[in-house]
Amino acid sequence: MHRESIKNYWLLLTNKTSARNPNLASQTIDKIIKRYSAPGRHYHNTVHLSDLICLQQQYAPLIVDNDSLLYAIYFHDIVYKVTRSDNEEKSAQEAVAFLNRIGYPDDKQQKVFTFIAATQKHVNPLGDPDLDYLLDFDLHILGSTPAQYEAYTKQVRKEYGLYPSFMYKRGRKKVLQHFLSQPSIYKTAVFREKYEKKARENMERELEQL
């Protein structure tokens, strides 16, 4: 999915969910794409955004509120700075600020906020099946082929390039050990069946190499 497709899919979404501020919708997607295209974004970029949108399209029949899920996807990494620990909260705040301006229902604004915030620790505080899909989409790369996974790890390392090797390895080991200690990495049955085994193999191999 190219940037133009990312933009067009957004405009379809905003046209459907709001009769207000068509100019705001267009300006906002330009800002979103610019943020995801910023220098230093080697993994959390427009390719990652595109991957999640494609997954939403693929699994849409299994999702109840596709509109809210899509808004969460578009905004979930709009703020991404490796030196900060509040990226998800800041991203969620930007999502709500936009949704408020287009008159999106208050309860759904809160849902989008919670969905985005949940991508920090990948825990579902709502028990909402739609959120399970978002969290699994966000981690789908873990269950990719060994070559794809290796490319992903190199991209993430570049994003954290300002940190020396010993600090990065220590933090990365902690992340890997956290996920591997969970009863399952993925929350939905379909992703567990499709990706769980591959994800564990990839992460265990990376952990050994660290």
N, C-alpha and C. Protein backbone atom coordinates (compact mmCIF):
# COMPACT_ATOMS: atom_id res chain seq x y z
N MET A 1 0.85 -1.19 0.00
CA MET A 1 0.00 0.00 0.00
C MET A 1 0.89 1.24 0.00
N HIS A 2 0.79 2.05 -1.04
CA HIS A 2 1.60 3.26 -1.16
C HIS A 2 0.97 4.39 -0.32
N ARG A 3 1.71 5.47 -0.19
CA ARG A 3 1.24 6.59 0.63
C ARG A 3 -0.09 7.15 0.11
N GLU A 4 -0.24 7.16 -1.21
CA GLU A 4 -1.50 7.66 -1.77
C GLU A 4 -2.67 6.79 -1.36
N SER A 5 -2.43 5.47 -1.28
CA SER A 5 -3.48 4.55 -0.84
C SER A 5 -3.78 4.74 0.64
N ILE A 6 -2.73 4.96 1.43
CA ILE A 6 -2.92 5.25 2.86
C ILE A 6 -3.81 6.48 3.03
N LYS A 7 -3.54 7.49 2.22
CA LYS A 7 -4.31 8.74 2.29
C LYS A 7 -5.74 8.52 1.82
N ASN A 8 -5.93 7.83 0.72
CA ASN A 8 -7.28 7.62 0.18
C ASN A 8 -8.14 6.80 1.13
N TYR A 9 -7.55 5.80 1.77
CA TYR A 9 -8.30 4.96 2.71
C TYR A 9 -8.72 5.78 3.92
N TRP A 10 -7.84 6.68 4.34
CA TRP A 10 -8.16 7.61 5.43
C TRP A 10 -9.33 8.51 5.07
N LEU A 11 -9.31 9.05 3.85
CA LEU A 11 -10.37 9.96 3.43
C LEU A 11 -11.71 9.23 3.31
N LEU A 12 -11.68 7.98 2.91
CA LEU A 12 -12.91 7.17 2.92
C LEU A 12 -13.45 7.03 4.34
N LEU A 13 -12.54 6.78 5.27
CA LEU A 13 -12.92 6.63 6.68
C LEU A 13 -13.51 7.92 7.22
N THR A 14 -12.83 9.04 7.01
CA THR A 14 -13.30 10.30 7.58
C THR A 14 -14.57 10.80 6.89
N ASN A 15 -14.70 10.54 5.60
CA ASN A 15 -15.93 10.92 4.90
C ASN A 15 -17.13 10.15 5.44
N LYS A 16 -16.90 8.93 5.84
CA LYS A 16 -17.98 8.07 6.35
C LYS A 16 -18.37 8.43 7.77
N THR A 17 -17.39 8.85 8.57
CA THR A 17 -17.64 9.03 10.01
C THR A 17 -17.84 10.48 10.42
N SER A 18 -17.69 11.40 9.47
CA SER A 18 -17.85 12.81 9.83
C SER A 18 -18.29 13.63 8.64
N ALA A 19 -19.23 14.54 8.89
CA ALA A 19 -19.65 15.48 7.86
C ALA A 19 -18.94 16.82 8.05
N ARG A 20 -18.12 16.90 9.09
CA ARG A 20 -17.45 18.15 9.42
C ARG A 20 -16.01 18.18 8.90
N ASN A 21 -15.53 19.36 8.68
CA ASN A 21 -14.11 19.63 8.47
C ASN A 21 -13.40 18.73 7.46
N PRO A 22 -13.86 18.69 6.21
CA PRO A 22 -13.13 17.89 5.21
C PRO A 22 -11.70 18.37 5.02
N ASN A 23 -11.50 19.67 5.16
CA ASN A 23 -10.13 20.20 5.04
C ASN A 23 -9.26 19.72 6.19
N LEU A 24 -9.84 19.63 7.38
CA LEU A 24 -9.10 19.14 8.54
C LEU A 24 -8.66 17.71 8.32
N ALA A 25 -9.54 16.88 7.77
CA ALA A 25 -9.21 15.48 7.50
C ALA A 25 -8.03 15.37 6.55
N SER A 26 -8.05 16.18 5.50
CA SER A 26 -6.97 16.15 4.52
C SER A 26 -5.66 16.65 5.13
N GLN A 27 -5.72 17.71 5.91
CA GLN A 27 -4.53 18.24 6.55
C GLN A 27 -3.96 17.24 7.56
N THR A 28 -4.86 16.53 8.24
CA THR A 28 -4.42 15.60 9.28
C THR A 28 -3.71 14.40 8.69
N ILE A 29 -4.22 13.86 7.60
CA ILE A 29 -3.54 12.70 7.01
C ILE A 29 -2.18 13.10 6.45
N ASP A 30 -2.09 14.32 5.94
CA ASP A 30 -0.77 14.80 5.49
C ASP A 30 0.20 14.85 6.67
N LYS A 31 -0.30 15.28 7.82
CA LYS A 31 0.54 15.34 9.03
C LYS A 31 0.92 13.93 9.49
N ILE A 32 -0.05 13.02 9.45
CA ILE A 32 0.22 11.64 9.86
C ILE A 32 1.32 11.03 9.00
N ILE A 33 1.18 11.16 7.68
CA ILE A 33 2.17 10.59 6.78
C ILE A 33 3.54 11.23 6.98
N LYS A 34 3.55 12.53 7.21
CA LYS A 34 4.82 13.23 7.46
C LYS A 34 5.49 12.70 8.72
N ARG A 35 4.70 12.49 9.77
CA ARG A 35 5.27 11.99 11.03
C ARG A 35 5.85 10.58 10.83
N TYR A 36 5.08 9.71 10.18
CA TYR A 36 5.54 8.34 9.97
C TYR A 36 6.73 8.28 9.00
N SER A 37 6.95 9.34 8.26
CA SER A 37 8.05 9.39 7.29
C SER A 37 9.27 10.13 7.84
N ALA A 38 9.24 10.50 9.09
CA ALA A 38 10.31 11.32 9.67
C ALA A 38 11.64 10.58 9.66
N PRO A 39 12.74 11.30 9.54
CA PRO A 39 14.07 10.68 9.62
C PRO A 39 14.23 9.93 10.94
N GLY A 40 14.87 8.79 10.88
CA GLY A 40 15.06 7.99 12.09
C GLY A 40 14.01 6.93 12.29
N ARG A 41 12.94 7.00 11.50
CA ARG A 41 11.90 5.96 11.60
C ARG A 41 12.24 4.84 10.61
N HIS A 42 12.93 3.85 11.09
CA HIS A 42 13.37 2.76 10.23
C HIS A 42 12.38 1.60 10.23
N TYR A 43 11.62 1.46 11.32
CA TYR A 43 10.57 0.42 11.37
C TYR A 43 9.20 1.04 11.58
N HIS A 44 9.06 1.93 12.53
CA HIS A 44 7.76 2.54 12.84
C HIS A 44 7.45 3.66 11.85
N ASN A 45 7.31 3.27 10.61
CA ASN A 45 7.16 4.22 9.51
C ASN A 45 5.90 3.91 8.69
N THR A 46 5.82 4.47 7.50
CA THR A 46 4.62 4.27 6.68
C THR A 46 4.44 2.82 6.24
N VAL A 47 5.54 2.07 6.16
CA VAL A 47 5.42 0.64 5.82
C VAL A 47 4.70 -0.10 6.94
N HIS A 48 5.09 0.19 8.17
CA HIS A 48 4.42 -0.42 9.33
C HIS A 48 2.95 -0.01 9.37
N LEU A 49 2.68 1.27 9.14
CA LEU A 49 1.30 1.75 9.11
C LEU A 49 0.51 1.03 8.03
N SER A 50 1.10 0.90 6.86
CA SER A 50 0.44 0.22 5.75
C SER A 50 0.15 -1.24 6.09
N ASP A 51 1.11 -1.90 6.73
CA ASP A 51 0.92 -3.31 7.11
C ASP A 51 -0.30 -3.47 8.01
N LEU A 52 -0.45 -2.57 8.98
CA LEU A 52 -1.57 -2.68 9.91
C LEU A 52 -2.90 -2.39 9.22
N ILE A 53 -2.90 -1.44 8.29
CA ILE A 53 -4.12 -1.15 7.53
C ILE A 53 -4.52 -2.36 6.70
N CYS A 54 -3.54 -2.99 6.08
CA CYS A 54 -3.82 -4.18 5.27
C CYS A 54 -4.36 -5.32 6.13
N LEU A 55 -3.83 -5.46 7.33
CA LEU A 55 -4.34 -6.49 8.25
C LEU A 55 -5.77 -6.18 8.66
N GLN A 56 -6.07 -4.90 8.90
CA GLN A 56 -7.45 -4.52 9.22
C GLN A 56 -8.39 -4.90 8.08
N GLN A 57 -7.96 -4.65 6.86
CA GLN A 57 -8.79 -5.00 5.70
C GLN A 57 -9.01 -6.51 5.63
N GLN A 58 -7.96 -7.24 5.93
CA GLN A 58 -8.03 -8.71 5.85
C GLN A 58 -8.96 -9.29 6.90
N TYR A 59 -8.92 -8.73 8.10
CA TYR A 59 -9.69 -9.31 9.21
C TYR A 59 -10.95 -8.50 9.55
N ALA A 60 -11.31 -7.57 8.70
CA ALA A 60 -12.48 -6.71 8.95
C ALA A 60 -13.75 -7.48 9.30
N PRO A 61 -14.05 -8.62 8.66
CA PRO A 61 -15.27 -9.34 9.00
C PRO A 61 -15.32 -9.84 10.45
N LEU A 62 -14.15 -9.93 11.09
CA LEU A 62 -14.10 -10.43 12.47
C LEU A 62 -14.09 -9.29 13.50
N ILE A 63 -14.07 -8.06 13.01
CA ILE A 63 -13.97 -6.89 13.88
C ILE A 63 -15.33 -6.19 13.96
N VAL A 64 -15.73 -5.78 15.16
CA VAL A 64 -17.04 -5.17 15.36
C VAL A 64 -17.04 -3.70 14.93
N ASP A 65 -16.08 -2.95 15.45
CA ASP A 65 -16.02 -1.50 15.19
C ASP A 65 -14.77 -1.19 14.38
N ASN A 66 -14.85 -1.41 13.08
CA ASN A 66 -13.69 -1.20 12.22
C ASN A 66 -13.26 0.26 12.15
N ASP A 67 -14.22 1.18 12.25
CA ASP A 67 -13.87 2.60 12.16
C ASP A 67 -12.97 3.03 13.31
N SER A 68 -13.36 2.66 14.52
CA SER A 68 -12.54 3.04 15.68
C SER A 68 -11.18 2.34 15.63
N LEU A 69 -11.17 1.10 15.21
CA LEU A 69 -9.91 0.37 15.09
C LEU A 69 -8.98 1.06 14.09
N LEU A 70 -9.55 1.51 12.98
CA LEU A 70 -8.75 2.19 11.97
C LEU A 70 -8.18 3.51 12.49
N TYR A 71 -8.99 4.26 13.20
CA TYR A 71 -8.47 5.51 13.78
C TYR A 71 -7.31 5.21 14.74
N ALA A 72 -7.45 4.14 15.51
CA ALA A 72 -6.36 3.76 16.41
C ALA A 72 -5.11 3.37 15.63
N ILE A 73 -5.29 2.67 14.52
CA ILE A 73 -4.14 2.28 13.69
C ILE A 73 -3.43 3.51 13.15
N TYR A 74 -4.18 4.42 12.58
CA TYR A 74 -3.56 5.60 11.97
C TYR A 74 -2.78 6.43 12.97
N PHE A 75 -3.30 6.53 14.19
CA PHE A 75 -2.66 7.41 15.18
C PHE A 75 -1.71 6.69 16.12
N HIS A 76 -1.63 5.35 16.10
CA HIS A 76 -0.99 4.65 17.22
C HIS A 76 0.50 4.96 17.37
N ASP A 77 1.18 5.30 16.28
CA ASP A 77 2.60 5.67 16.37
C ASP A 77 2.86 7.07 15.83
N ILE A 78 1.86 7.92 15.85
CA ILE A 78 2.08 9.27 15.30
C ILE A 78 3.13 10.01 16.10
N VAL A 79 3.22 9.73 17.40
CA VAL A 79 4.31 10.24 18.24
C VAL A 79 5.23 9.06 18.54
N TYR A 80 6.47 9.17 18.11
CA TYR A 80 7.42 8.07 18.35
C TYR A 80 8.82 8.63 18.52
N LYS A 81 9.26 8.69 19.76
CA LYS A 81 10.61 9.15 20.10
C LYS A 81 11.21 8.13 21.07
N VAL A 82 12.34 7.56 20.69
CA VAL A 82 12.90 6.46 21.48
C VAL A 82 13.37 6.92 22.86
N THR A 83 13.51 8.21 23.05
CA THR A 83 13.96 8.73 24.35
C THR A 83 12.80 8.96 25.31
N ARG A 84 11.57 8.76 24.85
CA ARG A 84 10.40 9.03 25.68
C ARG A 84 9.67 7.74 26.02
N SER A 85 8.96 7.76 27.14
CA SER A 85 8.18 6.59 27.56
C SER A 85 6.68 6.83 27.46
N ASP A 86 6.29 8.01 26.95
CA ASP A 86 4.88 8.35 26.89
C ASP A 86 4.38 8.50 25.45
N ASN A 87 5.06 7.83 24.50
CA ASN A 87 4.67 7.96 23.10
C ASN A 87 3.22 7.56 22.85
N GLU A 88 2.82 6.45 23.45
CA GLU A 88 1.47 5.94 23.22
C GLU A 88 0.42 6.90 23.77
N GLU A 89 0.67 7.42 24.96
CA GLU A 89 -0.29 8.36 25.56
C GLU A 89 -0.39 9.64 24.72
N LYS A 90 0.75 10.14 24.27
CA LYS A 90 0.75 11.35 23.44
C LYS A 90 0.05 11.09 22.11
N SER A 91 0.28 9.91 21.53
CA SER A 91 -0.40 9.55 20.28
C SER A 91 -1.90 9.48 20.49
N ALA A 92 -2.30 8.88 21.61
CA ALA A 92 -3.73 8.76 21.92
C ALA A 92 -4.37 10.13 22.11
N GLN A 93 -3.64 11.05 22.73
CA GLN A 93 -4.15 12.41 22.92
C GLN A 93 -4.35 13.11 21.59
N GLU A 94 -3.44 12.92 20.65
CA GLU A 94 -3.60 13.54 19.34
C GLU A 94 -4.80 12.94 18.59
N ALA A 95 -5.01 11.65 18.77
CA ALA A 95 -6.16 11.01 18.14
C ALA A 95 -7.46 11.61 18.66
N VAL A 96 -7.58 11.74 19.96
CA VAL A 96 -8.79 12.27 20.57
C VAL A 96 -9.01 13.73 20.18
N ALA A 97 -7.94 14.49 20.10
CA ALA A 97 -8.07 15.90 19.70
C ALA A 97 -8.68 15.99 18.30
N PHE A 98 -8.23 15.14 17.39
CA PHE A 98 -8.80 15.14 16.03
C PHE A 98 -10.24 14.64 16.04
N LEU A 99 -10.49 13.53 16.73
CA LEU A 99 -11.83 12.94 16.74
C LEU A 99 -12.85 13.87 17.38
N ASN A 100 -12.42 14.62 18.37
CA ASN A 100 -13.32 15.60 18.99
C ASN A 100 -13.71 16.68 17.99
N ARG A 101 -12.76 17.11 17.19
CA ARG A 101 -13.02 18.18 16.23
C ARG A 101 -13.95 17.73 15.10
N ILE A 102 -13.95 16.43 14.78
CA ILE A 102 -14.85 15.96 13.72
C ILE A 102 -16.18 15.46 14.27
N GLY A 103 -16.36 15.55 15.60
CA GLY A 103 -17.62 15.16 16.19
C GLY A 103 -17.81 13.66 16.33
N TYR A 104 -16.73 12.92 16.44
CA TYR A 104 -16.83 11.47 16.65
C TYR A 104 -17.42 11.23 18.04
N PRO A 105 -18.28 10.23 18.19
CA PRO A 105 -18.94 10.01 19.49
C PRO A 105 -17.96 9.89 20.66
N ASP A 106 -18.35 10.47 21.79
CA ASP A 106 -17.46 10.52 22.95
C ASP A 106 -17.02 9.14 23.41
N ASP A 107 -17.94 8.18 23.44
CA ASP A 107 -17.58 6.84 23.91
C ASP A 107 -16.57 6.19 22.98
N LYS A 108 -16.68 6.48 21.69
CA LYS A 108 -15.73 5.91 20.74
C LYS A 108 -14.39 6.64 20.79
N GLN A 109 -14.42 7.92 21.12
CA GLN A 109 -13.16 8.64 21.34
C GLN A 109 -12.37 7.98 22.47
N GLN A 110 -13.07 7.67 23.54
CA GLN A 110 -12.42 7.03 24.69
C GLN A 110 -11.90 5.66 24.32
N LYS A 111 -12.65 4.96 23.49
CA LYS A 111 -12.22 3.63 23.04
C LYS A 111 -10.91 3.74 22.26
N VAL A 112 -10.85 4.68 21.32
CA VAL A 112 -9.64 4.86 20.52
C VAL A 112 -8.46 5.22 21.41
N PHE A 113 -8.70 6.09 22.38
CA PHE A 113 -7.64 6.46 23.32
C PHE A 113 -7.10 5.22 24.04
N THR A 114 -8.01 4.41 24.55
CA THR A 114 -7.61 3.22 25.30
C THR A 114 -6.90 2.21 24.40
N PHE A 115 -7.38 2.07 23.16
CA PHE A 115 -6.75 1.15 22.22
C PHE A 115 -5.29 1.54 21.98
N ILE A 116 -5.07 2.83 21.72
CA ILE A 116 -3.70 3.28 21.42
C ILE A 116 -2.82 3.15 22.66
N ALA A 117 -3.33 3.56 23.81
CA ALA A 117 -2.55 3.47 25.05
C ALA A 117 -2.16 2.02 25.35
N ALA A 118 -3.02 1.08 24.97
CA ALA A 118 -2.77 -0.34 25.24
C ALA A 118 -1.60 -0.90 24.45
N THR A 119 -1.21 -0.22 23.36
CA THR A 119 -0.08 -0.72 22.57
C THR A 119 1.26 -0.52 23.26
N GLN A 120 1.27 0.19 24.38
CA GLN A 120 2.52 0.36 25.13
C GLN A 120 2.93 -0.96 25.78
N LYS A 121 2.01 -1.58 26.51
CA LYS A 121 2.34 -2.82 27.23
C LYS A 121 1.68 -4.04 26.61
N HIS A 122 0.89 -3.82 25.57
CA HIS A 122 0.17 -4.90 24.89
C HIS A 122 -0.67 -5.73 25.87
N VAL A 123 -1.42 -4.99 26.66
CA VAL A 123 -2.38 -5.58 27.60
C VAL A 123 -3.75 -5.01 27.26
N ASN A 124 -4.76 -5.86 27.30
CA ASN A 124 -6.13 -5.45 26.96
C ASN A 124 -6.92 -5.19 28.23
N PRO A 125 -7.03 -3.93 28.68
CA PRO A 125 -7.75 -3.64 29.92
C PRO A 125 -9.26 -3.71 29.77
N LEU A 126 -9.74 -3.69 28.54
CA LEU A 126 -11.18 -3.67 28.28
C LEU A 126 -11.78 -5.05 28.07
N GLY A 127 -10.93 -6.00 27.72
CA GLY A 127 -11.46 -7.29 27.30
C GLY A 127 -12.19 -7.20 25.98
N ASP A 128 -11.92 -6.15 25.22
CA ASP A 128 -12.59 -5.92 23.94
C ASP A 128 -11.90 -6.74 22.86
N PRO A 129 -12.63 -7.63 22.18
CA PRO A 129 -12.02 -8.46 21.13
C PRO A 129 -11.38 -7.64 20.02
N ASP A 130 -11.94 -6.47 19.73
CA ASP A 130 -11.34 -5.62 18.69
C ASP A 130 -9.93 -5.18 19.09
N LEU A 131 -9.74 -4.89 20.36
CA LEU A 131 -8.42 -4.49 20.84
C LEU A 131 -7.44 -5.65 20.73
N ASP A 132 -7.92 -6.86 20.96
CA ASP A 132 -7.05 -8.03 20.78
C ASP A 132 -6.49 -8.06 19.36
N TYR A 133 -7.33 -7.74 18.39
CA TYR A 133 -6.85 -7.73 17.00
C TYR A 133 -5.83 -6.63 16.78
N LEU A 134 -6.07 -5.44 17.31
CA LEU A 134 -5.11 -4.36 17.15
C LEU A 134 -3.75 -4.74 17.73
N LEU A 135 -3.75 -5.29 18.93
CA LEU A 135 -2.49 -5.67 19.57
C LEU A 135 -1.78 -6.77 18.78
N ASP A 136 -2.54 -7.69 18.23
CA ASP A 136 -1.93 -8.75 17.41
C ASP A 136 -1.41 -8.20 16.09
N PHE A 137 -2.15 -7.29 15.50
CA PHE A 137 -1.66 -6.65 14.27
C PHE A 137 -0.31 -5.99 14.53
N ASP A 138 -0.21 -5.29 15.64
CA ASP A 138 0.99 -4.53 15.97
C ASP A 138 2.21 -5.44 16.15
N LEU A 139 1.95 -6.70 16.54
CA LEU A 139 3.05 -7.65 16.79
C LEU A 139 3.17 -8.71 15.70
N HIS A 140 2.48 -8.52 14.59
CA HIS A 140 2.48 -9.57 13.57
C HIS A 140 3.88 -9.85 13.04
N ILE A 141 4.76 -8.85 13.02
CA ILE A 141 6.11 -9.00 12.50
C ILE A 141 6.90 -10.04 13.26
N LEU A 142 6.56 -10.26 14.52
CA LEU A 142 7.29 -11.23 15.33
C LEU A 142 7.15 -12.64 14.78
N GLY A 143 6.04 -12.90 14.09
CA GLY A 143 5.80 -14.23 13.53
C GLY A 143 6.11 -14.34 12.05
N SER A 144 6.92 -13.43 11.54
CA SER A 144 7.27 -13.43 10.12
C SER A 144 8.37 -14.45 9.84
N THR A 145 8.82 -14.51 8.61
CA THR A 145 9.91 -15.43 8.25
C THR A 145 11.19 -14.99 8.95
N PRO A 146 12.15 -15.90 9.13
CA PRO A 146 13.42 -15.51 9.77
C PRO A 146 14.09 -14.32 9.10
N ALA A 147 14.05 -14.26 7.77
CA ALA A 147 14.69 -13.14 7.06
C ALA A 147 13.97 -11.83 7.33
N GLN A 148 12.64 -11.86 7.33
CA GLN A 148 11.86 -10.66 7.62
C GLN A 148 12.08 -10.21 9.06
N TYR A 149 12.14 -11.18 9.95
CA TYR A 149 12.34 -10.86 11.36
C TYR A 149 13.72 -10.23 11.58
N GLU A 150 14.73 -10.77 10.92
CA GLU A 150 16.07 -10.21 11.05
C GLU A 150 16.13 -8.78 10.53
N ALA A 151 15.45 -8.53 9.40
CA ALA A 151 15.40 -7.17 8.86
C ALA A 151 14.72 -6.23 9.85
N TYR A 152 13.65 -6.70 10.48
CA TYR A 152 12.93 -5.92 11.49
C TYR A 152 13.84 -5.58 12.67
N THR A 153 14.61 -6.55 13.16
CA THR A 153 15.48 -6.30 14.31
C THR A 153 16.55 -5.27 13.97
N LYS A 154 17.04 -5.30 12.74
CA LYS A 154 18.04 -4.31 12.31
C LYS A 154 17.43 -2.92 12.22
N GLN A 155 16.19 -2.85 11.76
CA GLN A 155 15.50 -1.56 11.67
C GLN A 155 15.27 -0.97 13.06
N VAL A 156 14.86 -1.80 13.99
CA VAL A 156 14.64 -1.33 15.36
C VAL A 156 15.95 -0.87 15.98
N ARG A 157 17.01 -1.62 15.74
CA ARG A 157 18.31 -1.22 16.28
C ARG A 157 18.73 0.15 15.75
N LYS A 158 18.45 0.41 14.48
CA LYS A 158 18.77 1.72 13.90
C LYS A 158 17.98 2.82 14.58
N GLU A 159 16.73 2.54 14.92
CA GLU A 159 15.90 3.54 15.60
C GLU A 159 16.49 3.90 16.97
N TYR A 160 17.13 2.91 17.58
CA TYR A 160 17.75 3.13 18.89
C TYR A 160 19.25 3.35 18.77
N GLY A 161 19.66 3.89 17.63
CA GLY A 161 21.07 4.05 17.34
C GLY A 161 21.82 4.96 18.29
N LEU A 162 21.13 5.85 18.98
CA LEU A 162 21.82 6.76 19.90
C LEU A 162 22.27 6.05 21.18
N TYR A 163 21.77 4.81 21.39
CA TYR A 163 22.15 4.07 22.59
C TYR A 163 23.31 3.13 22.29
N PRO A 164 24.29 3.05 23.18
CA PRO A 164 25.41 2.11 22.97
C PRO A 164 24.92 0.67 23.02
N SER A 165 25.72 -0.22 22.48
CA SER A 165 25.32 -1.62 22.32
C SER A 165 24.91 -2.27 23.63
N PHE A 166 25.69 -2.05 24.69
CA PHE A 166 25.40 -2.74 25.95
C PHE A 166 24.04 -2.31 26.52
N MET A 167 23.70 -1.04 26.34
CA MET A 167 22.40 -0.55 26.84
C MET A 167 21.26 -1.09 25.99
N TYR A 168 21.45 -1.09 24.68
CA TYR A 168 20.40 -1.59 23.80
C TYR A 168 20.15 -3.08 24.05
N LYS A 169 21.21 -3.85 24.14
CA LYS A 169 21.05 -5.30 24.34
C LYS A 169 20.33 -5.59 25.64
N ARG A 170 20.67 -4.85 26.67
CA ARG A 170 20.02 -5.06 27.97
C ARG A 170 18.52 -4.79 27.87
N GLY A 171 18.15 -3.68 27.22
CA GLY A 171 16.74 -3.35 27.07
C GLY A 171 16.01 -4.33 26.16
N ARG A 172 16.68 -4.71 25.08
CA ARG A 172 16.05 -5.64 24.12
C ARG A 172 15.82 -7.00 24.75
N LYS A 173 16.79 -7.48 25.52
CA LYS A 173 16.63 -8.77 26.22
C LYS A 173 15.42 -8.73 27.15
N LYS A 174 15.25 -7.62 27.82
CA LYS A 174 14.12 -7.48 28.75
C LYS A 174 12.79 -7.58 28.00
N VAL A 175 12.72 -6.93 26.83
CA VAL A 175 11.50 -6.99 26.02
C VAL A 175 11.22 -8.41 25.56
N LEU A 176 12.25 -9.07 25.03
CA LEU A 176 12.08 -10.43 24.52
C LEU A 176 11.68 -11.39 25.64
N GLN A 177 12.33 -11.28 26.77
CA GLN A 177 12.02 -12.17 27.90
C GLN A 177 10.61 -11.95 28.41
N HIS A 178 10.17 -10.69 28.36
CA HIS A 178 8.81 -10.38 28.77
C HIS A 178 7.79 -11.11 27.90
N PHE A 179 7.94 -11.00 26.59
CA PHE A 179 6.99 -11.63 25.68
C PHE A 179 7.07 -13.16 25.76
N LEU A 180 8.29 -13.68 25.85
CA LEU A 180 8.44 -15.13 25.89
C LEU A 180 7.91 -15.74 27.18
N SER A 181 7.82 -14.93 28.23
CA SER A 181 7.32 -15.44 29.52
C SER A 181 5.79 -15.50 29.56
N GLN A 182 5.14 -14.89 28.58
CA GLN A 182 3.68 -14.88 28.54
C GLN A 182 3.15 -16.24 28.10
N PRO A 183 1.96 -16.62 28.60
CA PRO A 183 1.36 -17.89 28.15
C PRO A 183 1.21 -17.93 26.63
N SER A 184 0.90 -16.77 26.04
CA SER A 184 0.86 -16.66 24.59
C SER A 184 1.20 -15.21 24.21
N ILE A 185 1.90 -15.06 23.10
CA ILE A 185 2.26 -13.73 22.62
C ILE A 185 1.05 -13.06 22.00
N TYR A 186 0.28 -13.85 21.26
CA TYR A 186 -0.89 -13.32 20.55
C TYR A 186 -2.17 -13.60 21.33
N LYS A 187 -3.13 -12.70 21.16
CA LYS A 187 -4.36 -12.75 21.96
C LYS A 187 -5.53 -13.40 21.23
N THR A 188 -5.51 -13.35 19.91
CA THR A 188 -6.60 -13.97 19.15
C THR A 188 -6.22 -15.39 18.74
N ALA A 189 -7.21 -16.24 18.64
CA ALA A 189 -6.96 -17.64 18.28
C ALA A 189 -6.33 -17.74 16.89
N VAL A 190 -6.81 -16.90 15.96
CA VAL A 190 -6.32 -16.99 14.59
C VAL A 190 -4.85 -16.60 14.50
N PHE A 191 -4.41 -15.62 15.27
CA PHE A 191 -3.00 -15.22 15.23
C PHE A 191 -2.14 -16.22 16.00
N ARG A 192 -2.66 -16.77 17.09
CA ARG A 192 -1.89 -17.79 17.81
C ARG A 192 -1.62 -18.99 16.90
N GLU A 193 -2.63 -19.40 16.18
CA GLU A 193 -2.48 -20.55 15.30
C GLU A 193 -1.50 -20.26 14.16
N LYS A 194 -1.55 -19.04 13.65
CA LYS A 194 -0.76 -18.69 12.46
C LYS A 194 0.66 -18.25 12.79
N TYR A 195 0.85 -17.55 13.93
CA TYR A 195 2.13 -16.88 14.18
C TYR A 195 2.86 -17.26 15.47
N GLU A 196 2.17 -17.88 16.42
CA GLU A 196 2.77 -18.07 17.76
C GLU A 196 4.07 -18.85 17.71
N LYS A 197 4.06 -19.99 17.05
CA LYS A 197 5.25 -20.85 17.00
C LYS A 197 6.42 -20.12 16.33
N LYS A 198 6.16 -19.48 15.20
CA LYS A 198 7.21 -18.75 14.48
C LYS A 198 7.75 -17.61 15.32
N ALA A 199 6.84 -16.90 16.00
CA ALA A 199 7.27 -15.75 16.82
C ALA A 199 8.21 -16.20 17.93
N ARG A 200 7.87 -17.28 18.59
CA ARG A 200 8.72 -17.76 19.69
C ARG A 200 10.07 -18.22 19.16
N GLU A 201 10.08 -18.87 18.03
CA GLU A 201 11.35 -19.31 17.43
C GLU A 201 12.22 -18.10 17.08
N ASN A 202 11.61 -17.09 16.47
CA ASN A 202 12.35 -15.89 16.10
C ASN A 202 12.93 -15.18 17.32
N MET A 203 12.11 -15.03 18.34
CA MET A 203 12.54 -14.28 19.52
C MET A 203 13.58 -15.06 20.33
N GLU A 204 13.42 -16.35 20.40
CA GLU A 204 14.41 -17.16 21.12
C GLU A 204 15.75 -17.14 20.39
N ARG A 205 15.71 -17.15 19.06
CA ARG A 205 16.95 -17.08 18.29
C ARG A 205 17.63 -15.71 18.50
N GLU A 206 16.85 -14.64 18.49
CA GLU A 206 17.42 -13.32 18.72
C GLU A 206 18.02 -13.23 20.12
N LEU A 207 17.31 -13.77 21.09
CA LEU A 207 17.80 -13.72 22.47
C LEU A 207 19.13 -14.44 22.61
N GLU A 208 19.27 -15.56 21.94
CA GLU A 208 20.54 -16.31 21.98
C GLU A 208 21.68 -15.50 21.35
N GLN A 209 21.34 -14.77 20.28
CA GLN A 209 22.36 -13.98 19.58
C GLN A 209 22.78 -12.74 20.35
N LEU A 210 21.89 -12.25 21.21
CA LEU A 210 22.22 -11.08 22.02
C LEU A 210 23.20 -11.45 23.12
